[in-house]
Amino acid sequence: QVQLVESGGGLVQTGGSLKLSCAASGRSFSRNAMGWFRQAPGKDREFVAVIAWWSSSSIYYADSVKGRFTVSRDNAKNTMYLQMNSLKPEDTAVYYCAARRAIGTSSAPNDYDYWGQGTQVTVSS
């Protein structure tokens, strides 16, 4: 059974940092794209970042997080990370990791086949 488990969320003040982790089990995603999404109350789930399995050459971010967030992965550990710096109140949301069966990257939630349960990130002003 495939599982994605996020961790690292919490409460932080504006300008602070958090690092999220997404540990995969049940199958290897070392050759698949993995992404981060978030959903704030009353809003649709939105794309945050995506990283291809060959990582360094294919990473994309939402404009709203570019320059502040960094996605990375450790294929040996089947784990993806999201380093979030300079956090703002508008970053408050439940953050989800997701993985595709396909190799290519995508910013569309419907293109992802596996999802974690989410981890809450709250940024206080």
PDB file of N, CA and C in Angstrom:
ATOM      1  N   GLN A   1       0.848  -1.195   0.000  1.00  0.00           N
ATOM      2  CA  GLN A   1       0.000   0.000   0.000  1.00  0.00           C
ATOM      3  C   GLN A   1       0.884   1.245   0.000  1.00  0.00           C
ATOM      4  N   VAL A   2       0.612   2.136  -0.945  1.00  0.00           N
ATOM      5  CA  VAL A   2       1.401   3.358  -1.052  1.00  0.00           C
ATOM      6  C   VAL A   2       0.933   4.368  -0.016  1.00  0.00           C
ATOM      7  N   GLN A   3       1.891   4.953   0.675  1.00  0.00           N
ATOM      8  CA  GLN A   3       1.573   6.004   1.638  1.00  0.00           C
ATOM      9  C   GLN A   3       2.535   7.156   1.493  1.00  0.00           C
ATOM     10  N   LEU A   4       2.002   8.360   1.598  1.00  0.00           N
ATOM     11  CA  LEU A   4       2.808   9.574   1.681  1.00  0.00           C
ATOM     12  C   LEU A   4       2.469  10.226   3.010  1.00  0.00           C
ATOM     13  N   VAL A   5       3.482  10.496   3.800  1.00  0.00           N
ATOM     14  CA  VAL A   5       3.250  11.053   5.133  1.00  0.00           C
ATOM     15  C   VAL A   5       4.041  12.343   5.284  1.00  0.00           C
ATOM     16  N   GLU A   6       3.310  13.445   5.475  1.00  0.00           N
ATOM     17  CA  GLU A   6       3.941  14.745   5.674  1.00  0.00           C
ATOM     18  C   GLU A   6       4.218  14.964   7.157  1.00  0.00           C
ATOM     19  N   SER A   7       5.231  15.739   7.421  1.00  0.00           N
ATOM     20  CA  SER A   7       5.541  16.153   8.786  1.00  0.00           C
ATOM     21  C   SER A   7       6.257  17.488   8.735  1.00  0.00           C
ATOM     22  N   GLY A   8       6.332  18.151   9.898  1.00  0.00           N
ATOM     23  CA  GLY A   8       7.087  19.391   9.983  1.00  0.00           C
ATOM     24  C   GLY A   8       6.248  20.648  10.043  1.00  0.00           C
ATOM     25  N   GLY A   9       4.941  20.510   9.929  1.00  0.00           N
ATOM     26  CA  GLY A   9       4.098  21.691  10.017  1.00  0.00           C
ATOM     27  C   GLY A   9       4.046  22.237  11.430  1.00  0.00           C
ATOM     28  N   GLY A  10       3.429  23.415  11.575  1.00  0.00           N
ATOM     29  CA  GLY A  10       3.312  23.993  12.900  1.00  0.00           C
ATOM     30  C   GLY A  10       2.947  25.458  12.839  1.00  0.00           C
ATOM     31  N   LEU A  11       3.112  26.120  13.973  1.00  0.00           N
ATOM     32  CA  LEU A  11       2.813  27.541  14.103  1.00  0.00           C
ATOM     33  C   LEU A  11       4.116  28.324  14.126  1.00  0.00           C
ATOM     34  N   VAL A  12       4.197  29.359  13.297  1.00  0.00           N
ATOM     35  CA  VAL A  12       5.408  30.169  13.217  1.00  0.00           C
ATOM     36  C   VAL A  12       5.004  31.621  13.011  1.00  0.00           C
ATOM     37  N   GLN A  13       5.850  32.530  13.445  1.00  0.00           N
ATOM     38  CA  GLN A  13       5.576  33.954  13.255  1.00  0.00           C
ATOM     39  C   GLN A  13       5.968  34.399  11.852  1.00  0.00           C
ATOM     40  N   THR A  14       5.407  35.513  11.433  1.00  0.00           N
ATOM     41  CA  THR A  14       5.766  36.092  10.139  1.00  0.00           C
ATOM     42  C   THR A  14       7.274  36.272  10.058  1.00  0.00           C
ATOM     43  N   GLY A  15       7.831  35.851   8.926  1.00  0.00           N
ATOM     44  CA  GLY A  15       9.264  35.928   8.725  1.00  0.00           C
ATOM     45  C   GLY A  15      10.019  34.691   9.146  1.00  0.00           C
ATOM     46  N   GLY A  16       9.337  33.783   9.799  1.00  0.00           N
ATOM     47  CA  GLY A  16       9.977  32.563  10.272  1.00  0.00           C
ATOM     48  C   GLY A  16      10.124  31.509   9.191  1.00  0.00           C
ATOM     49  N   SER A  17      10.634  30.354   9.611  1.00  0.00           N
ATOM     50  CA  SER A  17      10.901  29.261   8.675  1.00  0.00           C
ATOM     51  C   SER A  17      10.362  27.946   9.208  1.00  0.00           C
ATOM     52  N   LEU A  18      10.026  27.067   8.289  1.00  0.00           N
ATOM     53  CA  LEU A  18       9.652  25.699   8.597  1.00  0.00           C
ATOM     54  C   LEU A  18      10.180  24.811   7.484  1.00  0.00           C
ATOM     55  N   LYS A  19      10.436  23.547   7.821  1.00  0.00           N
ATOM     56  CA  LYS A  19      10.827  22.578   6.800  1.00  0.00           C
ATOM     57  C   LYS A  19       9.885  21.393   6.868  1.00  0.00           C
ATOM     58  N   LEU A  20       9.170  21.178   5.783  1.00  0.00           N
ATOM     59  CA  LEU A  20       8.257  20.045   5.677  1.00  0.00           C
ATOM     60  C   LEU A  20       8.974  18.852   5.056  1.00  0.00           C
ATOM     61  N   SER A  21       8.581  17.673   5.491  1.00  0.00           N
ATOM     62  CA  SER A  21       9.080  16.436   4.903  1.00  0.00           C
ATOM     63  C   SER A  21       7.908  15.604   4.408  1.00  0.00           C
ATOM     64  N   CYS A  22       8.161  14.827   3.382  1.00  0.00           N
ATOM     65  CA  CYS A  22       7.158  13.905   2.850  1.00  0.00           C
ATOM     66  C   CYS A  22       7.858  12.570   2.637  1.00  0.00           C
ATOM     67  N   ALA A  23       7.525  11.612   3.476  1.00  0.00           N
ATOM     68  CA  ALA A  23       8.134  10.286   3.392  1.00  0.00           C
ATOM     69  C   ALA A  23       7.189   9.342   2.668  1.00  0.00           C
ATOM     70  N   ALA A  24       7.693   8.698   1.633  1.00  0.00           N
ATOM     71  CA  ALA A  24       6.892   7.770   0.839  1.00  0.00           C
ATOM     72  C   ALA A  24       7.226   6.328   1.212  1.00  0.00           C
ATOM     73  N   SER A  25       6.215   5.494   1.185  1.00  0.00           N
ATOM     74  CA  SER A  25       6.431   4.063   1.428  1.00  0.00           C
ATOM     75  C   SER A  25       5.491   3.271   0.543  1.00  0.00           C
ATOM     76  N   GLY A  26       5.795   2.022   0.366  1.00  0.00           N
ATOM     77  CA  GLY A  26       4.945   1.155  -0.441  1.00  0.00           C
ATOM     78  C   GLY A  26       5.415   1.011  -1.871  1.00  0.00           C
ATOM     79  N   ARG A  27       6.146   1.968  -2.366  1.00  0.00           N
ATOM     80  CA  ARG A  27       6.774   1.893  -3.674  1.00  0.00           C
ATOM     81  C   ARG A  27       7.801   3.010  -3.754  1.00  0.00           C
ATOM     82  N   SER A  28       8.723   2.862  -4.677  1.00  0.00           N
ATOM     83  CA  SER A  28       9.725   3.899  -4.876  1.00  0.00           C
ATOM     84  C   SER A  28       9.190   4.948  -5.844  1.00  0.00           C
ATOM     85  N   PHE A  29       9.462   6.212  -5.525  1.00  0.00           N
ATOM     86  CA  PHE A  29       9.114   7.297  -6.432  1.00  0.00           C
ATOM     87  C   PHE A  29      10.378   7.947  -7.001  1.00  0.00           C
ATOM     88  N   SER A  30      11.452   7.201  -6.982  1.00  0.00           N
ATOM     89  CA  SER A  30      12.730   7.787  -7.398  1.00  0.00           C
ATOM     90  C   SER A  30      12.726   8.212  -8.857  1.00  0.00           C
ATOM     91  N   ARG A  31      11.810   7.681  -9.658  1.00  0.00           N
ATOM     92  CA  ARG A  31      11.747   8.084 -11.073  1.00  0.00           C
ATOM     93  C   ARG A  31      10.435   8.775 -11.413  1.00  0.00           C
ATOM     94  N   ASN A  32       9.820   9.374 -10.407  1.00  0.00           N
ATOM     95  CA  ASN A  32       8.532  10.039 -10.618  1.00  0.00           C
ATOM     96  C   ASN A  32       8.574  11.466 -10.105  1.00  0.00           C
ATOM     97  N   ALA A  33       7.746  12.306 -10.696  1.00  0.00           N
ATOM     98  CA  ALA A  33       7.636  13.666 -10.206  1.00  0.00           C
ATOM     99  C   ALA A  33       6.863  13.684  -8.894  1.00  0.00           C
ATOM    100  N   MET A  34       7.273  14.574  -8.022  1.00  0.00           N
ATOM    101  CA  MET A  34       6.583  14.763  -6.749  1.00  0.00           C
ATOM    102  C   MET A  34       6.345  16.254  -6.544  1.00  0.00           C
ATOM    103  N   GLY A  35       5.263  16.586  -5.887  1.00  0.00           N
ATOM    104  CA  GLY A  35       4.916  17.987  -5.731  1.00  0.00           C
ATOM    105  C   GLY A  35       4.350  18.323  -4.372  1.00  0.00           C
ATOM    106  N   TRP A  36       4.319  19.621  -4.112  1.00  0.00           N
ATOM    107  CA  TRP A  36       3.681  20.165  -2.911  1.00  0.00           C
ATOM    108  C   TRP A  36       2.509  21.049  -3.344  1.00  0.00           C
ATOM    109  N   PHE A  37       1.412  20.904  -2.633  1.00  0.00           N
ATOM    110  CA  PHE A  37       0.232  21.727  -2.834  1.00  0.00           C
ATOM    111  C   PHE A  37      -0.217  22.239  -1.476  1.00  0.00           C
ATOM    112  N   ARG A  38      -1.088  23.239  -1.491  1.00  0.00           N
ATOM    113  CA  ARG A  38      -1.638  23.721  -0.228  1.00  0.00           C
ATOM    114  C   ARG A  38      -3.081  24.135  -0.424  1.00  0.00           C
ATOM    115  N   GLN A  39      -3.811  24.111   0.678  1.00  0.00           N
ATOM    116  CA  GLN A  39      -5.216  24.497   0.634  1.00  0.00           C
ATOM    117  C   GLN A  39      -5.565  25.285   1.881  1.00  0.00           C
ATOM    118  N   ALA A  40      -5.951  26.524   1.660  1.00  0.00           N
ATOM    119  CA  ALA A  40      -6.403  27.385   2.751  1.00  0.00           C
ATOM    120  C   ALA A  40      -7.917  27.235   2.903  1.00  0.00           C
ATOM    121  N   PRO A  41      -8.457  27.550   4.077  1.00  0.00           N
ATOM    122  CA  PRO A  41      -9.904  27.413   4.291  1.00  0.00           C
ATOM    123  C   PRO A  41     -10.703  28.199   3.262  1.00  0.00           C
ATOM    124  N   GLY A  42     -11.670  27.540   2.650  1.00  0.00           N
ATOM    125  CA  GLY A  42     -12.531  28.194   1.690  1.00  0.00           C
ATOM    126  C   GLY A  42     -11.921  28.391   0.317  1.00  0.00           C
ATOM    127  N   LYS A  43     -10.725  27.868   0.108  1.00  0.00           N
ATOM    128  CA  LYS A  43     -10.057  28.036  -1.189  1.00  0.00           C
ATOM    129  C   LYS A  43      -9.763  26.685  -1.821  1.00  0.00           C
ATOM    130  N   ASP A  44      -9.524  26.726  -3.119  1.00  0.00           N
ATOM    131  CA  ASP A  44      -9.146  25.511  -3.828  1.00  0.00           C
ATOM    132  C   ASP A  44      -7.711  25.118  -3.496  1.00  0.00           C
ATOM    133  N   ARG A  45      -7.432  23.853  -3.699  1.00  0.00           N
ATOM    134  CA  ARG A  45      -6.052  23.383  -3.529  1.00  0.00           C
ATOM    135  C   ARG A  45      -5.192  24.014  -4.613  1.00  0.00           C
ATOM    136  N   GLU A  46      -4.037  24.558  -4.225  1.00  0.00           N
ATOM    137  CA  GLU A  46      -3.190  25.244  -5.193  1.00  0.00           C
ATOM    138  C   GLU A  46      -1.778  24.681  -5.209  1.00  0.00           C
ATOM    139  N   PHE A  47      -1.190  24.771  -6.359  1.00  0.00           N
ATOM    140  CA  PHE A  47       0.168  24.297  -6.586  1.00  0.00           C
ATOM    141  C   PHE A  47       1.178  25.151  -5.836  1.00  0.00           C
ATOM    142  N   VAL A  48       2.174  24.509  -5.260  1.00  0.00           N
ATOM    143  CA  VAL A  48       3.259  25.211  -4.580  1.00  0.00           C
ATOM    144  C   VAL A  48       4.588  24.965  -5.297  1.00  0.00           C
ATOM    145  N   ALA A  49       4.947  23.695  -5.480  1.00  0.00           N
ATOM    146  CA  ALA A  49       6.236  23.363  -6.099  1.00  0.00           C
ATOM    147  C   ALA A  49       6.200  21.931  -6.607  1.00  0.00           C
ATOM    148  N   VAL A  50       7.035  21.668  -7.589  1.00  0.00           N
ATOM    149  CA  VAL A  50       7.162  20.320  -8.133  1.00  0.00           C
ATOM    150  C   VAL A  50       8.626  20.063  -8.463  1.00  0.00           C
ATOM    151  N   ILE A  51       9.022  18.811  -8.296  1.00  0.00           N
ATOM    152  CA  ILE A  51      10.407  18.425  -8.580  1.00  0.00           C
ATOM    153  C   ILE A  51      10.392  17.108  -9.327  1.00  0.00           C
ATOM    154  N   ALA A  52      11.117  17.066 -10.421  1.00  0.00           N
ATOM    155  CA  ALA A  52      11.248  15.832 -11.189  1.00  0.00           C
ATOM    156  C   ALA A  52      12.255  14.909 -10.512  1.00  0.00           C
ATOM    157  N   TRP A  53      12.292  13.662 -10.939  1.00  0.00           N
ATOM    158  CA  TRP A  53      13.190  12.720 -10.266  1.00  0.00           C
ATOM    159  C   TRP A  53      14.642  13.074 -10.505  1.00  0.00           C
ATOM    160  N   TRP A  54      14.913  13.753 -11.614  1.00  0.00           N
ATOM    161  CA  TRP A  54      16.281  14.164 -11.877  1.00  0.00           C
ATOM    162  C   TRP A  54      16.576  15.529 -11.264  1.00  0.00           C
ATOM    163  N   SER A  55      15.668  15.923 -10.426  1.00  0.00           N
ATOM    164  CA  SER A  55      15.633  17.093  -9.541  1.00  0.00           C
ATOM    165  C   SER A  55      16.296  18.365 -10.033  1.00  0.00           C
ATOM    166  N   SER A  56      17.596  18.443 -10.126  1.00  0.00           N
ATOM    167  CA  SER A  56      18.227  19.750 -10.279  1.00  0.00           C
ATOM    168  C   SER A  56      17.854  20.438 -11.577  1.00  0.00           C
ATOM    169  N   SER A  57      17.445  19.698 -12.572  1.00  0.00           N
ATOM    170  CA  SER A  57      17.160  20.325 -13.855  1.00  0.00           C
ATOM    171  C   SER A  57      15.685  20.605 -14.079  1.00  0.00           C
ATOM    172  N   SER A  58      14.829  20.158 -13.181  1.00  0.00           N
ATOM    173  CA  SER A  58      13.407  20.341 -13.419  1.00  0.00           C
ATOM    174  C   SER A  58      12.676  20.587 -12.111  1.00  0.00           C
ATOM    175  N   ILE A  59      12.691  21.833 -11.694  1.00  0.00           N
ATOM    176  CA  ILE A  59      12.011  22.266 -10.482  1.00  0.00           C
ATOM    177  C   ILE A  59      11.211  23.512 -10.827  1.00  0.00           C
ATOM    178  N   TYR A  60       9.959  23.552 -10.373  1.00  0.00           N
ATOM    179  CA  TYR A  60       9.111  24.710 -10.656  1.00  0.00           C
ATOM    180  C   TYR A  60       8.381  25.131  -9.392  1.00  0.00           C
ATOM    181  N   TYR A  61       8.154  26.435  -9.282  1.00  0.00           N
ATOM    182  CA  TYR A  61       7.478  26.999  -8.123  1.00  0.00           C
ATOM    183  C   TYR A  61       6.319  27.880  -8.553  1.00  0.00           C
ATOM    184  N   ALA A  62       5.331  27.982  -7.677  1.00  0.00           N
ATOM    185  CA  ALA A  62       4.303  28.998  -7.862  1.00  0.00           C
ATOM    186  C   ALA A  62       4.947  30.365  -7.666  1.00  0.00           C
ATOM    187  N   ASP A  63       4.461  31.357  -8.383  1.00  0.00           N
ATOM    188  CA  ASP A  63       5.028  32.709  -8.271  1.00  0.00           C
ATOM    189  C   ASP A  63       4.969  33.218  -6.840  1.00  0.00           C
ATOM    190  N   SER A  64       3.952  32.822  -6.114  1.00  0.00           N
ATOM    191  CA  SER A  64       3.742  33.338  -4.758  1.00  0.00           C
ATOM    192  C   SER A  64       4.800  32.863  -3.765  1.00  0.00           C
ATOM    193  N   VAL A  65       5.521  31.789  -4.105  1.00  0.00           N
ATOM    194  CA  VAL A  65       6.520  31.257  -3.168  1.00  0.00           C
ATOM    195  C   VAL A  65       7.940  31.318  -3.728  1.00  0.00           C
ATOM    196  N   LYS A  66       8.066  31.714  -4.983  1.00  0.00           N
ATOM    197  CA  LYS A  66       9.379  31.733  -5.627  1.00  0.00           C
ATOM    198  C   LYS A  66      10.327  32.646  -4.859  1.00  0.00           C
ATOM    199  N   GLY A  67      11.532  32.143  -4.602  1.00  0.00           N
ATOM    200  CA  GLY A  67      12.523  32.914  -3.867  1.00  0.00           C
ATOM    201  C   GLY A  67      12.451  32.727  -2.362  1.00  0.00           C
ATOM    202  N   ARG A  68      11.363  32.127  -1.889  1.00  0.00           N
ATOM    203  CA  ARG A  68      11.207  31.913  -0.443  1.00  0.00           C
ATOM    204  C   ARG A  68      11.191  30.432  -0.086  1.00  0.00           C
ATOM    205  N   PHE A  69      10.647  29.609  -0.970  1.00  0.00           N
ATOM    206  CA  PHE A  69      10.531  28.171  -0.718  1.00  0.00           C
ATOM    207  C   PHE A  69      11.533  27.414  -1.604  1.00  0.00           C
ATOM    208  N   THR A  70      12.016  26.302  -1.074  1.00  0.00           N
ATOM    209  CA  THR A  70      12.930  25.448  -1.831  1.00  0.00           C
ATOM    210  C   THR A  70      12.497  23.995  -1.681  1.00  0.00           C
ATOM    211  N   VAL A  71      12.267  23.349  -2.809  1.00  0.00           N
ATOM    212  CA  VAL A  71      11.903  21.935  -2.799  1.00  0.00           C
ATOM    213  C   VAL A  71      13.141  21.103  -3.121  1.00  0.00           C
ATOM    214  N   SER A  72      13.237  19.962  -2.471  1.00  0.00           N
ATOM    215  CA  SER A  72      14.352  19.050  -2.723  1.00  0.00           C
ATOM    216  C   SER A  72      13.886  17.626  -2.462  1.00  0.00           C
ATOM    217  N   ARG A  73      14.689  16.675  -2.843  1.00  0.00           N
ATOM    218  CA  ARG A  73      14.322  15.287  -2.604  1.00  0.00           C
ATOM    219  C   ARG A  73      15.574  14.455  -2.399  1.00  0.00           C
ATOM    220  N   ASP A  74      15.395  13.380  -1.653  1.00  0.00           N
ATOM    221  CA  ASP A  74      16.446  12.398  -1.426  1.00  0.00           C
ATOM    222  C   ASP A  74      15.888  11.069  -1.902  1.00  0.00           C
ATOM    223  N   ASN A  75      16.241  10.687  -3.114  1.00  0.00           N
ATOM    224  CA  ASN A  75      15.655   9.478  -3.697  1.00  0.00           C
ATOM    225  C   ASN A  75      16.053   8.221  -2.929  1.00  0.00           C
ATOM    226  N   ALA A  76      17.224   8.230  -2.327  1.00  0.00           N
ATOM    227  CA  ALA A  76      17.656   7.075  -1.545  1.00  0.00           C
ATOM    228  C   ALA A  76      16.753   6.849  -0.339  1.00  0.00           C
ATOM    229  N   LYS A  77      16.208   7.949   0.186  1.00  0.00           N
ATOM    230  CA  LYS A  77      15.309   7.859   1.342  1.00  0.00           C
ATOM    231  C   LYS A  77      13.843   7.913   0.936  1.00  0.00           C
ATOM    232  N   ASN A  78      13.574   8.048  -0.367  1.00  0.00           N
ATOM    233  CA  ASN A  78      12.194   8.139  -0.845  1.00  0.00           C
ATOM    234  C   ASN A  78      11.450   9.270  -0.141  1.00  0.00           C
ATOM    235  N   THR A  79      12.127  10.396   0.003  1.00  0.00           N
ATOM    236  CA  THR A  79      11.612  11.522   0.785  1.00  0.00           C
ATOM    237  C   THR A  79      11.787  12.825   0.021  1.00  0.00           C
ATOM    238  N   MET A  80      10.788  13.685   0.126  1.00  0.00           N
ATOM    239  CA  MET A  80      10.828  15.021  -0.471  1.00  0.00           C
ATOM    240  C   MET A  80      10.718  16.051   0.644  1.00  0.00           C
ATOM    241  N   TYR A  81      11.286  17.211   0.426  1.00  0.00           N
ATOM    242  CA  TYR A  81      11.305  18.262   1.435  1.00  0.00           C
ATOM    243  C   TYR A  81      10.807  19.571   0.854  1.00  0.00           C
ATOM    244  N   LEU A  82      10.333  20.451   1.735  1.00  0.00           N
ATOM    245  CA  LEU A  82       9.992  21.813   1.342  1.00  0.00           C
ATOM    246  C   LEU A  82      10.498  22.744   2.444  1.00  0.00           C
ATOM    247  N   GLN A  83      11.565  23.469   2.130  1.00  0.00           N
ATOM    248  CA  GLN A  83      12.091  24.469   3.047  1.00  0.00           C
ATOM    249  C   GLN A  83      11.360  25.765   2.792  1.00  0.00           C
ATOM    250  N   MET A  84      10.710  26.291   3.815  1.00  0.00           N
ATOM    251  CA  MET A  84       9.912  27.504   3.674  1.00  0.00           C
ATOM    252  C   MET A  84      10.517  28.599   4.539  1.00  0.00           C
ATOM    253  N   ASN A  85      10.970  29.657   3.895  1.00  0.00           N
ATOM    254  CA  ASN A  85      11.563  30.796   4.595  1.00  0.00           C
ATOM    255  C   ASN A  85      10.721  32.044   4.376  1.00  0.00           C
ATOM    256  N   SER A  86      10.961  33.056   5.192  1.00  0.00           N
ATOM    257  CA  SER A  86      10.249  34.337   5.068  1.00  0.00           C
ATOM    258  C   SER A  86       8.751  34.122   4.978  1.00  0.00           C
ATOM    259  N   LEU A  87       8.229  33.316   5.867  1.00  0.00           N
ATOM    260  CA  LEU A  87       6.813  32.954   5.812  1.00  0.00           C
ATOM    261  C   LEU A  87       5.916  34.153   6.082  1.00  0.00           C
ATOM    262  N   LYS A  88       4.776  34.148   5.403  1.00  0.00           N
ATOM    263  CA  LYS A  88       3.801  35.222   5.493  1.00  0.00           C
ATOM    264  C   LYS A  88       2.464  34.647   5.969  1.00  0.00           C
ATOM    265  N   PRO A  89       1.605  35.470   6.541  1.00  0.00           N
ATOM    266  CA  PRO A  89       0.285  34.953   6.967  1.00  0.00           C
ATOM    267  C   PRO A  89      -0.481  34.295   5.820  1.00  0.00           C
ATOM    268  N   GLU A  90      -0.312  34.787   4.613  1.00  0.00           N
ATOM    269  CA  GLU A  90      -1.018  34.200   3.471  1.00  0.00           C
ATOM    270  C   GLU A  90      -0.484  32.820   3.082  1.00  0.00           C
ATOM    271  N   ASP A  91       0.585  32.374   3.708  1.00  0.00           N
ATOM    272  CA  ASP A  91       1.074  31.008   3.498  1.00  0.00           C
ATOM    273  C   ASP A  91       0.341  30.004   4.385  1.00  0.00           C
ATOM    274  N   THR A  92      -0.489  30.506   5.272  1.00  0.00           N
ATOM    275  CA  THR A  92      -1.244  29.622   6.162  1.00  0.00           C
ATOM    276  C   THR A  92      -2.161  28.711   5.358  1.00  0.00           C
ATOM    277  N   ALA A  93      -2.030  27.401   5.557  1.00  0.00           N
ATOM    278  CA  ALA A  93      -2.807  26.419   4.803  1.00  0.00           C
ATOM    279  C   ALA A  93      -2.442  25.023   5.296  1.00  0.00           C
ATOM    280  N   VAL A  94      -3.199  24.060   4.825  1.00  0.00           N
ATOM    281  CA  VAL A  94      -2.792  22.667   4.960  1.00  0.00           C
ATOM    282  C   VAL A  94      -1.933  22.336   3.742  1.00  0.00           C
ATOM    283  N   TYR A  95      -0.755  21.818   3.996  1.00  0.00           N
ATOM    284  CA  TYR A  95       0.183  21.492   2.927  1.00  0.00           C
ATOM    285  C   TYR A  95       0.166  19.989   2.663  1.00  0.00           C
ATOM    286  N   TYR A  96       0.043  19.661   1.395  1.00  0.00           N
ATOM    287  CA  TYR A  96      -0.029  18.266   0.967  1.00  0.00           C
ATOM    288  C   TYR A  96       1.136  17.926   0.044  1.00  0.00           C
ATOM    289  N   CYS A  97       1.681  16.746   0.210  1.00  0.00           N
ATOM    290  CA  CYS A  97       2.614  16.256  -0.799  1.00  0.00           C
ATOM    291  C   CYS A  97       1.872  15.278  -1.702  1.00  0.00           C
ATOM    292  N   ALA A  98       2.358  15.164  -2.911  1.00  0.00           N
ATOM    293  CA  ALA A  98       1.706  14.311  -3.890  1.00  0.00           C
ATOM    294  C   ALA A  98       2.754  13.731  -4.824  1.00  0.00           C
ATOM    295  N   ALA A  99       2.411  12.599  -5.417  1.00  0.00           N
ATOM    296  CA  ALA A  99       3.334  11.941  -6.337  1.00  0.00           C
ATOM    297  C   ALA A  99       2.580  11.465  -7.567  1.00  0.00           C
ATOM    298  N   ARG A 100       3.284  11.455  -8.679  1.00  0.00           N
ATOM    299  CA  ARG A 100       2.701  11.015  -9.931  1.00  0.00           C
ATOM    300  C   ARG A 100       3.228   9.630 -10.298  1.00  0.00           C
ATOM    301  N   ARG A 101       2.442   8.886 -11.037  1.00  0.00           N
ATOM    302  CA  ARG A 101       2.974   7.676 -11.665  1.00  0.00           C
ATOM    303  C   ARG A 101       3.847   8.065 -12.850  1.00  0.00           C
ATOM    304  N   ALA A 102       3.554   9.219 -13.442  1.00  0.00           N
ATOM    305  CA  ALA A 102       4.298   9.681 -14.606  1.00  0.00           C
ATOM    306  C   ALA A 102       5.629  10.301 -14.178  1.00  0.00           C
ATOM    307  N   ILE A 103       6.512  10.427 -15.159  1.00  0.00           N
ATOM    308  CA  ILE A 103       7.835  10.995 -14.890  1.00  0.00           C
ATOM    309  C   ILE A 103       7.805  12.520 -14.937  1.00  0.00           C
ATOM    310  N   GLY A 104       7.025  13.090 -15.852  1.00  0.00           N
ATOM    311  CA  GLY A 104       7.024  14.527 -16.079  1.00  0.00           C
ATOM    312  C   GLY A 104       6.400  15.317 -14.954  1.00  0.00           C
ATOM    313  N   THR A 105       6.782  16.595 -14.871  1.00  0.00           N
ATOM    314  CA  THR A 105       6.252  17.467 -13.846  1.00  0.00           C
ATOM    315  C   THR A 105       4.890  18.029 -14.261  1.00  0.00           C
ATOM    316  N   SER A 106       4.119  18.471 -13.282  1.00  0.00           N
ATOM    317  CA  SER A 106       2.821  19.075 -13.530  1.00  0.00           C
ATOM    318  C   SER A 106       2.440  19.937 -12.337  1.00  0.00           C
ATOM    319  N   SER A 107       1.696  21.011 -12.607  1.00  0.00           N
ATOM    320  CA  SER A 107       1.182  21.851 -11.525  1.00  0.00           C
ATOM    321  C   SER A 107      -0.299  21.614 -11.282  1.00  0.00           C
ATOM    322  N   ALA A 108      -0.882  20.666 -11.986  1.00  0.00           N
ATOM    323  CA  ALA A 108      -2.320  20.390 -11.860  1.00  0.00           C
ATOM    324  C   ALA A 108      -2.567  19.275 -10.860  1.00  0.00           C
ATOM    325  N   PRO A 109      -3.345  19.545  -9.834  1.00  0.00           N
ATOM    326  CA  PRO A 109      -3.614  18.500  -8.833  1.00  0.00           C
ATOM    327  C   PRO A 109      -4.173  17.213  -9.441  1.00  0.00           C
ATOM    328  N   ASN A 110      -4.980  17.325 -10.470  1.00  0.00           N
ATOM    329  CA  ASN A 110      -5.597  16.137 -11.066  1.00  0.00           C
ATOM    330  C   ASN A 110      -4.588  15.214 -11.734  1.00  0.00           C
ATOM    331  N   ASP A 111      -3.371  15.708 -11.958  1.00  0.00           N
ATOM    332  CA  ASP A 111      -2.338  14.883 -12.591  1.00  0.00           C
ATOM    333  C   ASP A 111      -1.593  14.007 -11.587  1.00  0.00           C
ATOM    334  N   TYR A 112      -1.920  14.152 -10.320  1.00  0.00           N
ATOM    335  CA  TYR A 112      -1.222  13.400  -9.277  1.00  0.00           C
ATOM    336  C   TYR A 112      -2.057  12.213  -8.815  1.00  0.00           C
ATOM    337  N   ASP A 113      -1.373  11.105  -8.572  1.00  0.00           N
ATOM    338  CA  ASP A 113      -2.049   9.848  -8.286  1.00  0.00           C
ATOM    339  C   ASP A 113      -2.065   9.494  -6.807  1.00  0.00           C
ATOM    340  N   TYR A 114      -1.118  10.010  -6.054  1.00  0.00           N
ATOM    341  CA  TYR A 114      -1.002   9.673  -4.634  1.00  0.00           C
ATOM    342  C   TYR A 114      -0.896  10.964  -3.834  1.00  0.00           C
ATOM    343  N   TRP A 115      -1.561  10.978  -2.675  1.00  0.00           N
ATOM    344  CA  TRP A 115      -1.588  12.166  -1.827  1.00  0.00           C
ATOM    345  C   TRP A 115      -1.347  11.780  -0.370  1.00  0.00           C
ATOM    346  N   GLY A 116      -0.685  12.699   0.344  1.00  0.00           N
ATOM    347  CA  GLY A 116      -0.572  12.557   1.776  1.00  0.00           C
ATOM    348  C   GLY A 116      -1.805  13.122   2.471  1.00  0.00           C
ATOM    349  N   GLN A 117      -1.805  13.019   3.798  1.00  0.00           N
ATOM    350  CA  GLN A 117      -2.971  13.456   4.567  1.00  0.00           C
ATOM    351  C   GLN A 117      -2.926  14.947   4.876  1.00  0.00           C
ATOM    352  N   GLY A 118      -1.777  15.573   4.667  1.00  0.00           N
ATOM    353  CA  GLY A 118      -1.642  17.004   4.890  1.00  0.00           C
ATOM    354  C   GLY A 118      -1.064  17.342   6.252  1.00  0.00           C
ATOM    355  N   THR A 119      -0.401  18.478   6.306  1.00  0.00           N
ATOM    356  CA  THR A 119       0.127  18.997   7.564  1.00  0.00           C
ATOM    357  C   THR A 119      -0.178  20.491   7.632  1.00  0.00           C
ATOM    358  N   GLN A 120      -0.635  20.938   8.795  1.00  0.00           N
ATOM    359  CA  GLN A 120      -1.072  22.335   8.949  1.00  0.00           C
ATOM    360  C   GLN A 120       0.129  23.252   9.153  1.00  0.00           C
ATOM    361  N   VAL A 121       0.146  24.328   8.396  1.00  0.00           N
ATOM    362  CA  VAL A 121       1.117  25.407   8.586  1.00  0.00           C
ATOM    363  C   VAL A 121       0.337  26.676   8.888  1.00  0.00           C
ATOM    364  N   THR A 122       0.646  27.276  10.020  1.00  0.00           N
ATOM    365  CA  THR A 122      -0.024  28.504  10.424  1.00  0.00           C
ATOM    366  C   THR A 122       1.020  29.573  10.682  1.00  0.00           C
ATOM    367  N   VAL A 123       0.871  30.712   9.995  1.00  0.00           N
ATOM    368  CA  VAL A 123       1.797  31.818  10.142  1.00  0.00           C
ATOM    369  C   VAL A 123       1.054  32.971  10.803  1.00  0.00           C
ATOM    370  N   SER A 124       1.502  33.341  11.977  1.00  0.00           N
ATOM    371  CA  SER A 124       0.842  34.409  12.725  1.00  0.00           C
ATOM    372  C   SER A 124       1.455  35.764  12.374  1.00  0.00           C
ATOM    373  N   SER A 125       0.608  36.789  12.393  1.00  0.00           N
ATOM    374  CA  SER A 125       1.077  38.135  12.030  1.00  0.00           C
ATOM    375  C   SER A 125       1.536  38.904  13.267  1.00  0.00           C
TER     376      SER A 125
END
